[in-house]
Amino acid sequence: LLILIGLEGLLSADNALVLAVIAKHLPEDEKKRAISYG
């Protein structure tokens, strides 16, 4: 489980960057809500 969480953490950084790029065009308040809802 510790190995899996560490692996998920490293992969989540790449994933989070892509999600941020998808929402980049939205206003700041909508950007955070869009990522949370998604």
PDB file of all heavy atoms in Angstrom:
ATOM      1  N   LEU A   1       0.830  -1.206   0.000  1.00  0.00           N
ATOM      2  CA  LEU A   1       0.000   0.000   0.000  1.00  0.00           C
ATOM      3  C   LEU A   1       0.868   1.261   0.000  1.00  0.00           C
ATOM      4  O   LEU A   1       0.560   2.225  -0.710  1.00  0.00           O
ATOM      5  CB  LEU A   1      -0.926  -0.012   1.210  1.00  0.00           C
ATOM      6  CG  LEU A   1      -1.947   1.138   1.301  1.00  0.00           C
ATOM      7  CD1 LEU A   1      -2.841   1.164   0.064  1.00  0.00           C
ATOM      8  CD2 LEU A   1      -2.793   0.992   2.563  1.00  0.00           C
ATOM      9  N   LEU A   2       1.961   1.261   0.762  1.00  0.00           N
ATOM     10  CA  LEU A   2       2.869   2.415   0.773  1.00  0.00           C
ATOM     11  C   LEU A   2       3.487   2.640  -0.601  1.00  0.00           C
ATOM     12  O   LEU A   2       3.600   3.781  -1.076  1.00  0.00           O
ATOM     13  CB  LEU A   2       3.967   2.206   1.817  1.00  0.00           C
ATOM     14  CG  LEU A   2       3.572   2.410   3.281  1.00  0.00           C
ATOM     15  CD1 LEU A   2       4.735   2.046   4.194  1.00  0.00           C
ATOM     16  CD2 LEU A   2       3.131   3.856   3.527  1.00  0.00           C
ATOM     17  N   ILE A   3       3.898   1.553  -1.261  1.00  0.00           N
ATOM     18  CA  ILE A   3       4.458   1.656  -2.611  1.00  0.00           C
ATOM     19  C   ILE A   3       3.416   2.231  -3.568  1.00  0.00           C
ATOM     20  O   ILE A   3       3.705   3.114  -4.381  1.00  0.00           O
ATOM     21  CB  ILE A   3       4.935   0.276  -3.107  1.00  0.00           C
ATOM     22  CG1 ILE A   3       6.175  -0.164  -2.316  1.00  0.00           C
ATOM     23  CG2 ILE A   3       5.247   0.301  -4.604  1.00  0.00           C
ATOM     24  CD1 ILE A   3       6.600  -1.582  -2.603  1.00  0.00           C
ATOM     25  N   LEU A   4       2.190   1.734  -3.453  1.00  0.00           N
ATOM     26  CA  LEU A   4       1.115   2.190  -4.336  1.00  0.00           C
ATOM     27  C   LEU A   4       0.817   3.673  -4.122  1.00  0.00           C
ATOM     28  O   LEU A   4       0.645   4.425  -5.083  1.00  0.00           O
ATOM     29  CB  LEU A   4      -0.143   1.355  -4.091  1.00  0.00           C
ATOM     30  CG  LEU A   4      -1.348   1.651  -4.983  1.00  0.00           C
ATOM     31  CD1 LEU A   4      -0.987   1.473  -6.447  1.00  0.00           C
ATOM     32  CD2 LEU A   4      -2.514   0.741  -4.612  1.00  0.00           C
ATOM     33  N   ILE A   5       0.786   4.127  -2.867  1.00  0.00           N
ATOM     34  CA  ILE A   5       0.523   5.538  -2.581  1.00  0.00           C
ATOM     35  C   ILE A   5       1.645   6.418  -3.132  1.00  0.00           C
ATOM     36  O   ILE A   5       1.400   7.477  -3.706  1.00  0.00           O
ATOM     37  CB  ILE A   5       0.345   5.751  -1.062  1.00  0.00           C
ATOM     38  CG1 ILE A   5      -0.975   5.117  -0.594  1.00  0.00           C
ATOM     39  CG2 ILE A   5       0.352   7.240  -0.716  1.00  0.00           C
ATOM     40  CD1 ILE A   5      -1.170   5.117   0.903  1.00  0.00           C
ATOM     41  N   GLY A   6       2.896   5.970  -2.969  1.00  0.00           N
ATOM     42  CA  GLY A   6       4.020   6.727  -3.527  1.00  0.00           C
ATOM     43  C   GLY A   6       3.949   6.816  -5.037  1.00  0.00           C
ATOM     44  O   GLY A   6       4.182   7.886  -5.629  1.00  0.00           O
ATOM     45  N   LEU A   7       3.601   5.701  -5.685  1.00  0.00           N
ATOM     46  CA  LEU A   7       3.470   5.686  -7.139  1.00  0.00           C
ATOM     47  C   LEU A   7       2.325   6.581  -7.579  1.00  0.00           C
ATOM     48  O   LEU A   7       2.452   7.350  -8.549  1.00  0.00           O
ATOM     49  CB  LEU A   7       3.244   4.245  -7.615  1.00  0.00           C
ATOM     50  CG  LEU A   7       3.156   4.012  -9.133  1.00  0.00           C
ATOM     51  CD1 LEU A   7       4.427   4.480  -9.819  1.00  0.00           C
ATOM     52  CD2 LEU A   7       2.896   2.536  -9.425  1.00  0.00           C
ATOM     53  N   GLU A   8       1.188   6.496  -6.872  1.00  0.00           N
ATOM     54  CA  GLU A   8       0.043   7.353  -7.183  1.00  0.00           C
ATOM     55  C   GLU A   8       0.431   8.832  -7.057  1.00  0.00           C
ATOM     56  O   GLU A   8       0.016   9.667  -7.849  1.00  0.00           O
ATOM     57  CB  GLU A   8      -1.124   7.049  -6.231  1.00  0.00           C
ATOM     58  CG  GLU A   8      -1.802   5.716  -6.457  1.00  0.00           C
ATOM     59  CD  GLU A   8      -2.791   5.747  -7.598  1.00  0.00           C
ATOM     60  OE1 GLU A   8      -2.936   6.801  -8.240  1.00  0.00           O
ATOM     61  OE2 GLU A   8      -3.419   4.708  -7.849  1.00  0.00           O
ATOM     62  N   GLY A   9       1.242   9.137  -6.031  1.00  0.00           N
ATOM     63  CA  GLY A   9       1.656  10.527  -5.836  1.00  0.00           C
ATOM     64  C   GLY A   9       2.464  11.054  -7.003  1.00  0.00           C
ATOM     65  O   GLY A   9       2.210  12.158  -7.503  1.00  0.00           O
ATOM     66  N   LEU A  10       3.438  10.273  -7.470  1.00  0.00           N
ATOM     67  CA  LEU A  10       4.266  10.713  -8.593  1.00  0.00           C
ATOM     68  C   LEU A  10       3.441  10.846  -9.869  1.00  0.00           C
ATOM     69  O   LEU A  10       3.587  11.806 -10.624  1.00  0.00           O
ATOM     70  CB  LEU A  10       5.419   9.726  -8.803  1.00  0.00           C
ATOM     71  CG  LEU A  10       6.503   9.738  -7.725  1.00  0.00           C
ATOM     72  CD1 LEU A  10       7.487   8.593  -7.944  1.00  0.00           C
ATOM     73  CD2 LEU A  10       7.238  11.073  -7.711  1.00  0.00           C
ATOM     74  N   LEU A  11       2.542   9.877 -10.105  1.00  0.00           N
ATOM     75  CA  LEU A  11       1.700   9.946 -11.300  1.00  0.00           C
ATOM     76  C   LEU A  11       0.673  11.072 -11.194  1.00  0.00           C
ATOM     77  O   LEU A  11       0.291  11.665 -12.206  1.00  0.00           O
ATOM     78  CB  LEU A  11       0.985   8.601 -11.517  1.00  0.00           C
ATOM     79  CG  LEU A  11       1.885   7.403 -11.830  1.00  0.00           C
ATOM     80  CD1 LEU A  11       1.046   6.134 -11.958  1.00  0.00           C
ATOM     81  CD2 LEU A  11       2.683   7.626 -13.103  1.00  0.00           C
ATOM     82  N   SER A  12       0.228  11.394  -9.961  1.00  0.00           N
ATOM     83  CA  SER A  12      -0.782  12.440  -9.789  1.00  0.00           C
ATOM     84  C   SER A  12      -0.243  13.809 -10.164  1.00  0.00           C
ATOM     85  O   SER A  12      -0.996  14.690 -10.589  1.00  0.00           O
ATOM     86  CB  SER A  12      -1.294  12.465  -8.344  1.00  0.00           C
ATOM     87  OG  SER A  12      -0.328  13.020  -7.464  1.00  0.00           O
ATOM     88  N   ALA A  13       1.078  14.010 -10.025  1.00  0.00           N
ATOM     89  CA  ALA A  13       1.668  15.292 -10.397  1.00  0.00           C
ATOM     90  C   ALA A  13       1.474  15.535 -11.891  1.00  0.00           C
ATOM     91  O   ALA A  13       1.059  16.617 -12.318  1.00  0.00           O
ATOM     92  CB  ALA A  13       3.149  15.309 -10.034  1.00  0.00           C
ATOM     93  N   ASP A  14       1.759  14.507 -12.695  1.00  0.00           N
ATOM     94  CA  ASP A  14       1.572  14.603 -14.148  1.00  0.00           C
ATOM     95  C   ASP A  14       0.103  14.805 -14.476  1.00  0.00           C
ATOM     96  O   ASP A  14      -0.269  15.643 -15.306  1.00  0.00           O
ATOM     97  CB  ASP A  14       2.079  13.313 -14.792  1.00  0.00           C
ATOM     98  CG  ASP A  14       2.796  13.580 -16.107  1.00  0.00           C
ATOM     99  OD1 ASP A  14       3.227  14.725 -16.316  1.00  0.00           O
ATOM    100  OD2 ASP A  14       2.913  12.640 -16.917  1.00  0.00           O
ATOM    101  N   ASN A  15      -0.767  14.043 -13.798  1.00  0.00           N
ATOM    102  CA  ASN A  15      -2.203  14.145 -14.040  1.00  0.00           C
ATOM    103  C   ASN A  15      -2.743  15.526 -13.682  1.00  0.00           C
ATOM    104  O   ASN A  15      -3.562  16.101 -14.404  1.00  0.00           O
ATOM    105  CB  ASN A  15      -2.951  13.081 -13.228  1.00  0.00           C
ATOM    106  CG  ASN A  15      -2.533  11.674 -13.599  1.00  0.00           C
ATOM    107  OD1 ASN A  15      -1.834  11.459 -14.578  1.00  0.00           O
ATOM    108  ND2 ASN A  15      -2.936  10.703 -12.803  1.00  0.00           N
ATOM    109  N   ALA A  16      -2.292  16.060 -12.527  1.00  0.00           N
ATOM    110  CA  ALA A  16      -2.761  17.366 -12.077  1.00  0.00           C
ATOM    111  C   ALA A  16      -2.356  18.470 -13.050  1.00  0.00           C
ATOM    112  O   ALA A  16      -3.112  19.422 -13.275  1.00  0.00           O
ATOM    113  CB  ALA A  16      -2.209  17.677 -10.685  1.00  0.00           C
ATOM    114  N   LEU A  17      -1.176  18.335 -13.637  1.00  0.00           N
ATOM    115  CA  LEU A  17      -0.736  19.327 -14.628  1.00  0.00           C
ATOM    116  C   LEU A  17      -1.670  19.347 -15.836  1.00  0.00           C
ATOM    117  O   LEU A  17      -2.033  20.418 -16.344  1.00  0.00           O
ATOM    118  CB  LEU A  17       0.700  19.024 -15.076  1.00  0.00           C
ATOM    119  CG  LEU A  17       1.807  19.372 -14.079  1.00  0.00           C
ATOM    120  CD1 LEU A  17       3.151  18.866 -14.591  1.00  0.00           C
ATOM    121  CD2 LEU A  17       1.870  20.872 -13.840  1.00  0.00           C
ATOM    122  N   VAL A  18      -2.070  18.154 -16.294  1.00  0.00           N
ATOM    123  CA  VAL A  18      -2.980  18.070 -17.437  1.00  0.00           C
ATOM    124  C   VAL A  18      -4.338  18.671 -17.091  1.00  0.00           C
ATOM    125  O   VAL A  18      -4.932  19.418 -17.881  1.00  0.00           O
ATOM    126  CB  VAL A  18      -3.133  16.600 -17.903  1.00  0.00           C
ATOM    127  CG1 VAL A  18      -4.202  16.494 -18.997  1.00  0.00           C
ATOM    128  CG2 VAL A  18      -1.803  16.067 -18.417  1.00  0.00           C
ATOM    129  N   LEU A  19      -4.859  18.373 -15.876  1.00  0.00           N
ATOM    130  CA  LEU A  19      -6.147  18.926 -15.455  1.00  0.00           C
ATOM    131  C   LEU A  19      -6.071  20.452 -15.373  1.00  0.00           C
ATOM    132  O   LEU A  19      -7.022  21.150 -15.748  1.00  0.00           O
ATOM    133  CB  LEU A  19      -6.558  18.357 -14.096  1.00  0.00           C
ATOM    134  CG  LEU A  19      -6.750  16.836 -14.006  1.00  0.00           C
ATOM    135  CD1 LEU A  19      -7.337  16.458 -12.654  1.00  0.00           C
ATOM    136  CD2 LEU A  19      -7.630  16.315 -15.126  1.00  0.00           C
ATOM    137  N   ALA A  20      -4.937  20.968 -14.890  1.00  0.00           N
ATOM    138  CA  ALA A  20      -4.765  22.418 -14.807  1.00  0.00           C
ATOM    139  C   ALA A  20      -4.754  23.049 -16.193  1.00  0.00           C
ATOM    140  O   ALA A  20      -5.307  24.135 -16.404  1.00  0.00           O
ATOM    141  CB  ALA A  20      -3.471  22.746 -14.063  1.00  0.00           C
ATOM    142  N   VAL A  21      -4.144  22.356 -17.150  1.00  0.00           N
ATOM    143  CA  VAL A  21      -4.101  22.856 -18.527  1.00  0.00           C
ATOM    144  C   VAL A  21      -5.501  22.890 -19.127  1.00  0.00           C
ATOM    145  O   VAL A  21      -5.889  23.844 -19.815  1.00  0.00           O
ATOM    146  CB  VAL A  21      -3.156  21.980 -19.390  1.00  0.00           C
ATOM    147  CG1 VAL A  21      -3.323  22.302 -20.871  1.00  0.00           C
ATOM    148  CG2 VAL A  21      -1.707  22.210 -18.981  1.00  0.00           C
ATOM    149  N   ILE A  22      -6.311  21.843 -18.849  1.00  0.00           N
ATOM    150  CA  ILE A  22      -7.676  21.778 -19.385  1.00  0.00           C
ATOM    151  C   ILE A  22      -8.506  22.959 -18.880  1.00  0.00           C
ATOM    152  O   ILE A  22      -9.309  23.540 -19.617  1.00  0.00           O
ATOM    153  CB  ILE A  22      -8.351  20.445 -18.989  1.00  0.00           C
ATOM    154  CG1 ILE A  22      -7.653  19.267 -19.682  1.00  0.00           C
ATOM    155  CG2 ILE A  22      -9.837  20.452 -19.350  1.00  0.00           C
ATOM    156  CD1 ILE A  22      -8.146  17.908 -19.229  1.00  0.00           C
ATOM    157  N   ALA A  23      -8.325  23.332 -17.601  1.00  0.00           N
ATOM    158  CA  ALA A  23      -9.131  24.397 -16.983  1.00  0.00           C
ATOM    159  C   ALA A  23      -8.473  25.770 -17.084  1.00  0.00           C
ATOM    160  O   ALA A  23      -9.025  26.748 -16.562  1.00  0.00           O
ATOM    161  CB  ALA A  23      -9.383  24.054 -15.516  1.00  0.00           C
ATOM    162  N   LYS A  24      -7.356  25.873 -17.753  1.00  0.00           N
ATOM    163  CA  LYS A  24      -6.550  27.098 -17.760  1.00  0.00           C
ATOM    164  C   LYS A  24      -7.301  28.306 -18.310  1.00  0.00           C
ATOM    165  O   LYS A  24      -7.088  29.447 -17.885  1.00  0.00           O
ATOM    166  CB  LYS A  24      -5.274  26.853 -18.572  1.00  0.00           C
ATOM    167  CG  LYS A  24      -4.256  27.972 -18.490  1.00  0.00           C
ATOM    168  CD  LYS A  24      -2.998  27.595 -19.267  1.00  0.00           C
ATOM    169  CE  LYS A  24      -1.968  28.712 -19.207  1.00  0.00           C
ATOM    170  NZ  LYS A  24      -0.744  28.360 -19.963  1.00  0.00           N
ATOM    171  N   HIS A  25      -8.215  28.080 -19.262  1.00  0.00           N
ATOM    172  CA  HIS A  25      -8.890  29.186 -19.943  1.00  0.00           C
ATOM    173  C   HIS A  25     -10.000  29.809 -19.094  1.00  0.00           C
ATOM    174  O   HIS A  25     -10.507  30.881 -19.426  1.00  0.00           O
ATOM    175  CB  HIS A  25      -9.493  28.688 -21.258  1.00  0.00           C
ATOM    176  CG  HIS A  25     -10.566  27.653 -21.064  1.00  0.00           C
ATOM    177  ND1 HIS A  25     -10.287  26.351 -20.688  1.00  0.00           N
ATOM    178  CD2 HIS A  25     -11.923  27.734 -21.165  1.00  0.00           C
ATOM    179  CE1 HIS A  25     -11.415  25.681 -20.589  1.00  0.00           C
ATOM    180  NE2 HIS A  25     -12.426  26.496 -20.870  1.00  0.00           N
ATOM    181  N   LEU A  26     -10.408  29.138 -17.988  1.00  0.00           N
ATOM    182  CA  LEU A  26     -11.507  29.625 -17.154  1.00  0.00           C
ATOM    183  C   LEU A  26     -11.020  30.697 -16.176  1.00  0.00           C
ATOM    184  O   LEU A  26      -9.838  30.727 -15.827  1.00  0.00           O
ATOM    185  CB  LEU A  26     -12.122  28.470 -16.360  1.00  0.00           C
ATOM    186  CG  LEU A  26     -12.839  27.380 -17.159  1.00  0.00           C
ATOM    187  CD1 LEU A  26     -13.246  26.241 -16.224  1.00  0.00           C
ATOM    188  CD2 LEU A  26     -14.050  27.931 -17.892  1.00  0.00           C
ATOM    189  N   PRO A  27     -11.931  31.570 -15.707  1.00  0.00           N
ATOM    190  CA  PRO A  27     -11.574  32.514 -14.637  1.00  0.00           C
ATOM    191  C   PRO A  27     -11.117  31.757 -13.395  1.00  0.00           C
ATOM    192  O   PRO A  27     -11.499  30.602 -13.192  1.00  0.00           O
ATOM    193  CB  PRO A  27     -12.892  33.269 -14.364  1.00  0.00           C
ATOM    194  CG  PRO A  27     -13.695  33.092 -15.608  1.00  0.00           C
ATOM    195  CD  PRO A  27     -13.315  31.756 -16.185  1.00  0.00           C
ATOM    196  N   GLU A  28     -10.336  32.400 -12.539  1.00  0.00           N
ATOM    197  CA  GLU A  28      -9.692  31.726 -11.417  1.00  0.00           C
ATOM    198  C   GLU A  28     -10.686  31.010 -10.504  1.00  0.00           C
ATOM    199  O   GLU A  28     -10.464  29.865 -10.103  1.00  0.00           O
ATOM    200  CB  GLU A  28      -8.883  32.744 -10.596  1.00  0.00           C
ATOM    201  CG  GLU A  28      -7.896  32.110  -9.635  1.00  0.00           C
ATOM    202  CD  GLU A  28      -6.856  31.258 -10.345  1.00  0.00           C
ATOM    203  OE1 GLU A  28      -6.450  31.608 -11.470  1.00  0.00           O
ATOM    204  OE2 GLU A  28      -6.469  30.222  -9.772  1.00  0.00           O
ATOM    205  N   ASP A  29     -11.817  31.665 -10.167  1.00  0.00           N
ATOM    206  CA  ASP A  29     -12.791  31.035  -9.269  1.00  0.00           C
ATOM    207  C   ASP A  29     -13.453  29.827  -9.921  1.00  0.00           C
ATOM    208  O   ASP A  29     -13.690  28.799  -9.286  1.00  0.00           O
ATOM    209  CB  ASP A  29     -13.843  32.056  -8.814  1.00  0.00           C
ATOM    210  CG  ASP A  29     -14.596  32.673  -9.987  1.00  0.00           C
ATOM    211  OD1 ASP A  29     -13.989  32.778 -11.076  1.00  0.00           O
ATOM    212  OD2 ASP A  29     -15.772  33.023  -9.815  1.00  0.00           O
ATOM    213  N   GLU A  30     -13.750  29.932 -11.229  1.00  0.00           N
ATOM    214  CA  GLU A  30     -14.369  28.819 -11.942  1.00  0.00           C
ATOM    215  C   GLU A  30     -13.374  27.677 -12.168  1.00  0.00           C
ATOM    216  O   GLU A  30     -13.756  26.501 -12.198  1.00  0.00           O
ATOM    217  CB  GLU A  30     -14.928  29.285 -13.286  1.00  0.00           C
ATOM    218  CG  GLU A  30     -16.157  30.168 -13.173  1.00  0.00           C
ATOM    219  CD  GLU A  30     -16.805  30.408 -14.529  1.00  0.00           C
ATOM    220  OE1 GLU A  30     -16.278  29.895 -15.540  1.00  0.00           O
ATOM    221  OE2 GLU A  30     -17.827  31.109 -14.566  1.00  0.00           O
ATOM    222  N   LYS A  31     -12.096  28.021 -12.313  1.00  0.00           N
ATOM    223  CA  LYS A  31     -11.064  27.018 -12.555  1.00  0.00           C
ATOM    224  C   LYS A  31     -11.006  26.022 -11.403  1.00  0.00           C
ATOM    225  O   LYS A  31     -11.017  24.803 -11.601  1.00  0.00           O
ATOM    226  CB  LYS A  31      -9.709  27.714 -12.722  1.00  0.00           C
ATOM    227  CG  LYS A  31      -8.568  26.779 -13.108  1.00  0.00           C
ATOM    228  CD  LYS A  31      -7.230  27.501 -13.062  1.00  0.00           C
ATOM    229  CE  LYS A  31      -7.223  28.694 -13.993  1.00  0.00           C
ATOM    230  NZ  LYS A  31      -5.899  29.375 -13.997  1.00  0.00           N
ATOM    231  N   LYS A  32     -10.990  26.549 -10.159  1.00  0.00           N
ATOM    232  CA  LYS A  32     -10.913  25.673  -8.989  1.00  0.00           C
ATOM    233  C   LYS A  32     -12.173  24.818  -8.860  1.00  0.00           C
ATOM    234  O   LYS A  32     -12.114  23.636  -8.531  1.00  0.00           O
ATOM    235  CB  LYS A  32     -10.706  26.502  -7.729  1.00  0.00           C
ATOM    236  CG  LYS A  32      -9.341  27.181  -7.672  1.00  0.00           C
ATOM    237  CD  LYS A  32      -9.198  28.021  -6.411  1.00  0.00           C
ATOM    238  CE  LYS A  32      -7.834  28.697  -6.365  1.00  0.00           C
ATOM    239  NZ  LYS A  32      -7.676  29.569  -5.171  1.00  0.00           N
ATOM    240  N   ARG A  33     -13.338  25.445  -9.128  1.00  0.00           N
ATOM    241  CA  ARG A  33     -14.594  24.684  -9.024  1.00  0.00           C
ATOM    242  C   ARG A  33     -14.670  23.604 -10.101  1.00  0.00           C
ATOM    243  O   ARG A  33     -15.140  22.494  -9.844  1.00  0.00           O
ATOM    244  CB  ARG A  33     -15.795  25.625  -9.131  1.00  0.00           C
ATOM    245  CG  ARG A  33     -16.062  26.398  -7.851  1.00  0.00           C
ATOM    246  CD  ARG A  33     -17.432  27.049  -7.870  1.00  0.00           C
ATOM    247  NE  ARG A  33     -17.550  28.052  -8.914  1.00  0.00           N
ATOM    248  CZ  ARG A  33     -18.500  28.083  -9.847  1.00  0.00           C
ATOM    249  NH1 ARG A  33     -19.426  27.146  -9.867  1.00  0.00           N
ATOM    250  NH2 ARG A  33     -18.520  29.048 -10.745  1.00  0.00           N
ATOM    251  N   ALA A  34     -14.215  23.918 -11.307  1.00  0.00           N
ATOM    252  CA  ALA A  34     -14.264  22.957 -12.402  1.00  0.00           C
ATOM    253  C   ALA A  34     -13.408  21.723 -12.083  1.00  0.00           C
ATOM    254  O   ALA A  34     -13.834  20.581 -12.300  1.00  0.00           O
ATOM    255  CB  ALA A  34     -13.774  23.602 -13.701  1.00  0.00           C
ATOM    256  N   ILE A  35     -12.215  21.963 -11.541  1.00  0.00           N
ATOM    257  CA  ILE A  35     -11.341  20.840 -11.186  1.00  0.00           C
ATOM    258  C   ILE A  35     -11.967  20.009 -10.062  1.00  0.00           C
ATOM    259  O   ILE A  35     -11.962  18.774 -10.101  1.00  0.00           O
ATOM    260  CB  ILE A  35      -9.940  21.353 -10.779  1.00  0.00           C
ATOM    261  CG1 ILE A  35      -9.230  21.945 -12.007  1.00  0.00           C
ATOM    262  CG2 ILE A  35      -9.095  20.235 -10.173  1.00  0.00           C
ATOM    263  CD1 ILE A  35      -7.895  22.593 -11.708  1.00  0.00           C
ATOM    264  N   SER A  36     -12.565  20.693  -9.053  1.00  0.00           N
ATOM    265  CA  SER A  36     -13.199  19.979  -7.939  1.00  0.00           C
ATOM    266  C   SER A  36     -14.389  19.145  -8.421  1.00  0.00           C
ATOM    267  O   SER A  36     -14.533  17.971  -8.047  1.00  0.00           O
ATOM    268  CB  SER A  36     -13.664  20.970  -6.870  1.00  0.00           C
ATOM    269  OG  SER A  36     -12.569  21.636  -6.290  1.00  0.00           O
ATOM    270  N   TYR A  37     -15.255  19.748  -9.250  1.00  0.00           N
ATOM    271  CA  TYR A  37     -16.420  19.015  -9.761  1.00  0.00           C
ATOM    272  C   TYR A  37     -15.989  17.858 -10.662  1.00  0.00           C
ATOM    273  O   TYR A  37     -16.566  16.761 -10.614  1.00  0.00           O
ATOM    274  CB  TYR A  37     -17.338  19.951 -10.549  1.00  0.00           C
ATOM    275  CG  TYR A  37     -18.069  20.973  -9.714  1.00  0.00           C
ATOM    276  CD1 TYR A  37     -18.732  22.046 -10.310  1.00  0.00           C
ATOM    277  CD2 TYR A  37     -18.110  20.884  -8.326  1.00  0.00           C
ATOM    278  CE1 TYR A  37     -19.407  23.001  -9.552  1.00  0.00           C
ATOM    279  CE2 TYR A  37     -18.773  21.827  -7.565  1.00  0.00           C
ATOM    280  CZ  TYR A  37     -19.419  22.884  -8.182  1.00  0.00           C
ATOM    281  OH  TYR A  37     -20.073  23.818  -7.422  1.00  0.00           O
ATOM    282  N   GLY A  38     -14.988  18.103 -11.494  1.00  0.00           N
ATOM    283  CA  GLY A  38     -14.499  17.058 -12.400  1.00  0.00           C
ATOM    284  C   GLY A  38     -13.949  15.869 -11.632  1.00  0.00           C
ATOM    285  O   GLY A  38     -14.225  14.711 -11.971  1.00  0.00           O
TER     286      GLY A  38
END
